[in-house]
Protein backbone atom coordinates (compact mmCIF):
# COMPACT_ATOMS: atom_id res chain seq x y z
CA MET A 1 -53.55 74.68 16.57
CA GLN A 2 -52.19 76.19 19.77
CA SER A 3 -51.39 79.84 20.14
CA SER A 4 -47.76 80.79 20.60
CA ARG A 5 -48.57 81.95 24.14
CA ALA A 6 -49.89 78.50 25.02
CA VAL A 7 -46.81 76.82 23.54
CA LEU A 8 -44.51 79.12 25.51
CA SER A 9 -46.36 78.46 28.75
CA GLN A 10 -46.01 74.69 28.21
CA GLN A 11 -42.24 74.79 27.74
CA GLN A 12 -40.06 73.49 30.52
CA PRO A 13 -38.12 76.08 32.48
CA ALA A 14 -34.67 76.65 31.04
CA THR A 15 -32.03 74.48 32.66
CA ARG A 16 -28.48 75.61 33.22
CA LEU A 17 -26.28 73.98 30.64
CA GLN A 18 -22.84 72.90 31.73
CA PRO A 19 -20.18 73.78 29.18
CA SER A 20 -18.25 70.91 27.72
CA ARG A 21 -14.47 70.97 27.88
CA GLY A 22 -13.06 73.44 25.41
CA SER A 23 -16.30 75.32 24.83
CA ALA A 24 -16.61 79.01 25.51
CA VAL A 25 -18.66 80.24 28.42
CA VAL A 26 -20.60 83.42 27.88
CA PRO A 27 -20.65 85.53 31.06
CA SER A 28 -24.00 86.57 32.47
CA ALA A 29 -25.02 90.18 32.77
CA SER A 30 -24.06 90.12 36.45
CA ALA A 31 -20.52 88.85 35.77
CA PRO A 32 -17.75 91.27 36.73
CA VAL A 33 -16.20 93.35 33.97
CA ALA A 34 -12.88 91.96 32.76
CA GLU A 35 -9.81 93.92 33.78
CA PRO A 36 -8.51 96.13 30.99
CA PRO A 37 -5.53 94.46 29.25
CA PHE A 38 -3.51 97.65 29.39
CA LEU A 39 -3.42 97.95 33.19
CA ARG A 40 -0.75 95.30 33.61
CA ARG A 41 1.12 95.56 30.32
CA PRO A 42 2.76 98.67 28.93
CA ILE A 43 2.91 99.50 25.24
CA LEU A 44 6.59 99.13 24.34
CA PHE A 45 8.69 101.14 21.86
CA GLU A 46 12.04 100.79 20.17
CA PRO A 47 14.83 103.18 21.29
CA ASN A 48 14.39 106.78 20.05
CA SER A 49 11.06 105.95 18.38
CA VAL A 50 7.50 107.18 18.77
CA GLN A 51 6.11 104.10 16.99
CA PRO A 52 5.18 101.08 19.12
CA ASP A 53 6.99 97.81 18.49
CA PRO A 54 4.95 94.77 17.24
CA ALA A 55 3.92 93.72 20.76
CA GLY A 56 2.99 97.33 21.48
CA ARG A 57 0.78 97.53 18.39
CA ASP A 58 -0.97 94.35 19.55
CA MET A 59 -1.55 95.92 22.97
CA VAL A 60 -3.04 99.03 21.31
CA LYS A 61 -5.49 96.77 19.42
CA ARG A 62 -6.46 95.00 22.65
CA ALA A 63 -6.88 98.33 24.45
CA THR A 64 -9.04 99.62 21.59
CA THR A 65 -11.29 96.57 21.77
CA TRP A 66 -11.70 96.92 25.53
CA LEU A 67 -12.40 100.66 25.35
CA ARG A 68 -15.02 100.15 22.62
CA GLU A 69 -16.79 97.64 24.88
CA HIS A 70 -16.58 99.99 27.88
CA ARG A 71 -17.56 103.39 26.50
CA GLY A 72 -17.96 104.79 30.03
CA ALA A 73 -14.30 104.19 30.86
CA ARG A 74 -11.94 107.15 30.95
CA VAL A 75 -8.18 106.79 30.59
CA LEU A 76 -4.99 108.77 31.01
CA ILE A 77 -2.11 108.03 28.61
CA VAL A 78 1.40 108.47 30.02
CA GLY A 79 4.57 108.10 27.97
CA SER A 80 8.01 107.36 29.40
CA CYS A 81 11.60 106.88 28.27
CA ASP A 82 14.83 105.38 29.44
CA SER A 83 17.54 107.76 30.62
CA SER A 84 19.81 107.47 27.58
CA GLY A 85 19.21 111.05 26.37
CA SER A 86 19.03 114.53 27.86
CA GLU A 87 16.10 115.16 30.20
CA THR A 88 14.52 117.67 27.79
CA CYS A 89 14.85 115.30 24.82
CA THR A 90 13.64 112.37 26.87
CA HIS A 91 10.57 114.26 28.13
CA THR A 92 9.72 115.35 24.57
CA LEU A 93 10.04 111.75 23.34
CA ALA A 94 7.86 110.49 26.21
CA GLU A 95 5.12 113.01 25.34
CA GLY A 96 5.43 112.06 21.65
CA ARG A 97 4.88 108.39 22.50
CA GLY A 98 1.76 109.26 24.47
CA ALA A 99 0.46 111.41 21.61
CA THR A 100 1.06 108.56 19.14
CA ILE A 101 -1.03 106.17 21.24
CA GLN A 102 -3.78 108.77 21.60
CA LYS A 103 -3.85 109.19 17.83
CA LEU A 104 -3.92 105.41 17.23
CA LEU A 105 -6.83 105.02 19.65
CA ARG A 106 -8.78 107.89 18.09
CA VAL A 107 -8.19 106.62 14.53
CA SER A 108 -9.52 103.26 15.73
CA GLY A 109 -12.78 104.87 16.84
CA ILE A 110 -12.17 105.67 20.50
CA SER A 111 -13.93 108.89 21.46
CA SER A 112 -11.82 111.81 22.61
CA ASP A 113 -14.18 111.91 25.63
CA GLN A 114 -12.66 108.63 26.82
CA ILE A 115 -9.13 110.06 26.86
CA VAL A 116 -8.80 112.56 29.70
CA GLY A 117 -5.18 113.45 29.03
CA VAL A 118 -1.78 112.62 27.57
CA LYS A 119 1.52 113.40 29.24
CA GLY A 120 5.15 112.40 29.55
CA TRP A 121 6.61 111.31 32.88
CA GLU A 122 8.27 114.17 34.70
CA LYS A 123 11.26 112.04 35.71
CA VAL A 124 13.18 109.47 33.75
CA ASP A 125 14.29 106.13 35.13
CA GLY A 126 17.20 105.96 37.50
CA GLY A 127 16.99 102.38 38.60
CA CYS A 128 18.46 100.66 35.52
CA ARG A 129 22.07 99.57 35.49
CA LEU A 130 24.09 100.52 32.44
CA GLY A 131 23.52 97.82 29.81
CA ASP A 132 20.39 96.35 31.46
CA VAL A 133 18.41 96.19 28.21
CA LYS A 134 15.29 94.61 29.73
CA CYS A 135 15.06 97.30 32.40
CA GLN A 136 15.62 100.13 29.92
CA GLN A 137 13.02 98.66 27.55
CA SER A 138 10.38 98.79 30.30
CA TYR A 139 10.90 102.56 30.46
CA ARG A 140 10.51 102.97 26.68
CA SER A 141 6.77 102.65 26.94
CA VAL A 142 3.34 104.13 27.29
CA ARG A 143 1.06 103.11 30.09
CA ILE A 144 -2.68 103.62 30.04
CA PHE A 145 -4.26 104.27 33.42
CA MET A 146 -7.93 104.22 34.36
CA ALA A 147 -9.01 107.76 35.18
CA SER A 148 -12.66 107.03 36.01
CA SER A 149 -15.61 105.14 34.64
CA MET A 150 -19.32 104.69 34.94
CA ALA A 151 -20.74 101.94 37.13
CA THR A 152 -19.20 98.54 36.42
CA GLY A 153 -20.59 97.01 33.28
CA GLU A 154 -22.69 100.01 32.38
CA LYS A 155 -22.63 101.16 28.77
CA PRO A 156 -24.04 104.51 27.66
């Protein structure tokens, strides 16, 4: 009977397997880190609400997953509003939206160390034409920005 060391030394070197169509490819350790899903897509809200809409809730889940996988990442949460209310009311609503997303991330297990701040935009939109619903909706949102992170791919 051969020892396990002898069996291992007799094995052929591992060959690179080519994935078949439709199969998943697992990235190697040297593969670049995937871009956070929240960098290109805001978390959207209904008018006069601090609760994200269904697509916004999905984006929060995706952001949570990414942040769990990248514990060294640090983010800034920034809420915004359309210009349909007074500037004071709008700023308060924008901050409330940011605070809601912070709370949802923390309840989902994201460390407070990963969230460097929450704020509302200082200025409301001015570029939307009256009745341009799509434009106004883009301002009823929270955006998550990368503040800093550890070296790419590094996990504490």
